[in-house]
Amino acid sequence: MSEVVFGQKNTVCLDKMQFCASTGLSAVQVDEAVKLQLLLPREVVVFDSEDLAVGHMLALFNKFGYPFQELRFYPRYAIEIVQNEIAIQQKIIKGQSYDQALAATLELTRFARILRGYIIDRVFQQSAERQNLVCLEKKELPEV
């Protein structure tokens, strides 16, 4: 259960200074990303490989000159999505034995991960396609 929910044991374990050196983010930027919940280390100031991947993406985003605050919607909507997923899970497992509830929770976790990614990607693709069609009509470059 733990492996499905939390992933496999992470071998990368960086403190903030190592994380900054690896990503190119400053300590102030890391603190801001943590405060905005764009970086969510599972242990206080210990960063794993998932944190590192997101740190690299945040450093890339930073090069575009936009503040991290522009990304606040991600954790806000993630919290809402997860709260709704948990509410559904609680309804489904109500009255089940421990083993049944555990099995259902594992399946629901896998389901939610696939559905989240699928829906967000497809909404993005549909939006990009609409934008591309509008730009073709206007003979402009699409904004993605």
Protein backbone atom coordinates (compact mmCIF):
# COMPACT_ATOMS: atom_id res chain seq x y z
CA MET A 1 0.00 0.00 0.00
CA SER A 2 2.74 2.43 0.98
CA GLU A 3 4.61 1.85 -2.27
CA VAL A 4 1.51 2.53 -4.38
CA VAL A 5 0.59 5.71 -2.50
CA PHE A 6 4.08 7.09 -1.84
CA GLY A 7 6.10 5.48 -4.62
CA GLN A 8 9.20 3.38 -4.36
CA LYS A 9 11.83 4.30 -1.81
CA ASN A 10 13.77 7.25 -3.11
CA THR A 11 17.53 7.00 -3.25
CA VAL A 12 18.10 10.72 -3.81
CA CYS A 13 18.32 12.68 -0.59
CA LEU A 14 19.51 16.29 -0.87
CA ASP A 15 19.63 19.09 1.67
CA LYS A 16 18.64 22.59 0.59
CA MET A 17 22.18 23.63 -0.35
CA GLN A 18 22.68 20.53 -2.52
CA PHE A 19 19.23 21.01 -4.04
CA CYS A 20 20.03 24.62 -4.93
CA ALA A 21 23.37 23.65 -6.46
CA SER A 22 21.71 20.94 -8.53
CA THR A 23 18.73 22.99 -9.77
CA GLY A 24 20.24 26.45 -10.02
CA LEU A 25 17.51 27.85 -7.77
CA SER A 26 18.49 30.18 -4.94
CA ALA A 27 17.62 29.36 -1.33
CA VAL A 28 15.09 32.22 -1.42
CA GLN A 29 13.45 30.74 -4.54
CA VAL A 30 13.30 27.30 -2.93
CA ASP A 31 11.71 28.77 0.19
CA GLU A 32 9.16 30.59 -1.97
CA ALA A 33 8.36 27.44 -3.96
CA VAL A 34 7.86 25.51 -0.71
CA LYS A 35 5.68 28.29 0.73
CA LEU A 36 3.56 28.30 -2.45
CA GLN A 37 3.38 24.48 -2.29
CA LEU A 38 5.03 24.14 -5.70
CA LEU A 39 7.73 22.09 -3.99
CA LEU A 40 6.40 19.63 -1.45
CA PRO A 41 9.31 17.74 0.09
CA ARG A 42 8.07 14.77 2.08
CA GLU A 43 10.60 15.54 4.80
CA VAL A 44 11.47 19.02 6.05
CA VAL A 45 14.30 20.41 3.89
CA VAL A 46 15.16 16.98 2.45
CA PHE A 47 14.61 16.79 -1.28
CA ASP A 48 14.17 13.58 -3.27
CA SER A 49 14.28 12.79 -7.00
CA GLU A 50 10.71 13.99 -7.61
CA ASP A 51 11.48 17.29 -5.87
CA LEU A 52 14.64 17.54 -7.96
CA ALA A 53 12.74 17.06 -11.24
CA VAL A 54 10.25 19.77 -10.26
CA GLY A 55 13.10 22.01 -9.09
CA HIS A 56 14.66 21.78 -12.55
CA MET A 57 11.31 22.69 -14.12
CA LEU A 58 10.88 25.63 -11.75
CA ALA A 59 14.36 26.85 -12.68
CA LEU A 60 13.37 26.66 -16.35
CA PHE A 61 10.12 28.53 -15.63
CA ASN A 62 12.15 31.16 -13.77
CA LYS A 63 14.21 31.78 -16.94
CA PHE A 64 11.02 32.95 -18.67
CA GLY A 65 10.91 35.81 -16.19
CA TYR A 66 7.61 34.96 -14.55
CA PRO A 67 7.23 34.72 -10.78
CA PHE A 68 6.43 31.39 -9.17
CA GLN A 69 3.22 32.96 -7.88
CA GLU A 70 1.82 32.56 -11.41
CA LEU A 71 1.70 28.80 -10.65
CA ARG A 72 -0.36 29.04 -7.44
CA PHE A 73 -3.35 27.47 -9.16
CA TYR A 74 -1.67 24.05 -9.28
CA PRO A 75 -1.68 23.34 -5.53
CA ARG A 76 -5.03 25.10 -5.07
CA TYR A 77 -6.77 22.82 -7.57
CA ALA A 78 -4.76 19.78 -6.47
CA ILE A 79 -6.06 20.20 -2.92
CA GLU A 80 -9.63 20.38 -4.21
CA ILE A 81 -9.17 17.35 -6.46
CA VAL A 82 -7.61 15.25 -3.69
CA GLN A 83 -10.30 16.22 -1.17
CA ASN A 84 -12.95 15.06 -3.63
CA GLU A 85 -11.06 11.84 -4.39
CA ILE A 86 -10.81 11.06 -0.67
CA ALA A 87 -14.53 11.73 -0.21
CA ILE A 88 -15.31 9.26 -3.00
CA GLN A 89 -12.88 6.70 -1.57
CA GLN A 90 -14.48 7.00 1.87
CA LYS A 91 -17.94 6.36 0.39
CA ILE A 92 -16.71 3.34 -1.56
CA ILE A 93 -14.93 1.64 1.34
CA LYS A 94 -17.62 2.35 3.93
CA GLY A 95 -18.73 -0.91 5.48
CA GLN A 96 -16.03 -3.01 3.81
CA SER A 97 -13.60 -5.27 5.63
CA TYR A 98 -10.05 -4.05 6.11
CA ASP A 99 -8.76 -6.22 3.25
CA GLN A 100 -11.55 -5.08 0.91
CA ALA A 101 -10.99 -1.43 1.83
CA LEU A 102 -7.24 -1.79 1.30
CA ALA A 103 -7.70 -3.39 -2.13
CA ALA A 104 -10.24 -0.75 -3.16
CA THR A 105 -7.96 2.07 -1.97
CA LEU A 106 -5.06 0.69 -4.01
CA GLU A 107 -7.20 0.46 -7.14
CA LEU A 108 -8.69 3.91 -6.59
CA THR A 109 -5.18 5.37 -6.16
CA ARG A 110 -4.04 3.89 -9.48
CA PHE A 111 -7.28 5.02 -11.13
CA ALA A 112 -6.96 8.60 -9.85
CA ARG A 113 -3.35 8.93 -11.02
CA ILE A 114 -4.24 7.80 -14.52
CA LEU A 115 -7.43 9.87 -14.72
CA ARG A 116 -5.77 13.08 -13.45
CA GLY A 117 -3.01 12.96 -16.03
CA TYR A 118 -5.32 11.89 -18.84
CA ILE A 119 -7.90 14.63 -18.28
CA ILE A 120 -5.37 17.43 -17.84
CA ASP A 121 -3.41 16.33 -20.93
CA ARG A 122 -6.55 16.02 -23.06
CA VAL A 123 -7.92 19.38 -21.94
CA PHE A 124 -4.54 20.91 -22.82
CA GLN A 125 -4.49 19.14 -26.21
CA GLN A 126 -8.02 20.28 -27.04
CA SER A 127 -7.20 23.84 -26.04
CA ALA A 128 -3.98 23.80 -28.09
CA GLU A 129 -5.86 22.44 -31.09
CA ARG A 130 -8.52 25.16 -30.84
CA GLN A 131 -5.80 27.79 -30.47
CA ASN A 132 -3.93 26.37 -33.45
CA LEU A 133 -7.06 26.48 -35.64
CA VAL A 134 -7.73 30.11 -34.69
CA CYS A 135 -4.13 31.04 -35.45
CA LEU A 136 -4.21 29.24 -38.80
CA GLU A 137 -7.28 31.25 -39.73
CA LYS A 138 -5.51 34.46 -38.72
CA LYS A 139 -2.14 33.25 -40.12
CA GLU A 140 -0.43 33.84 -36.75
CA LEU A 141 1.83 31.68 -34.62
CA PRO A 142 -0.11 29.68 -32.00
CA GLU A 143 0.35 30.41 -28.31
CA VAL A 144 0.85 27.18 -26.40
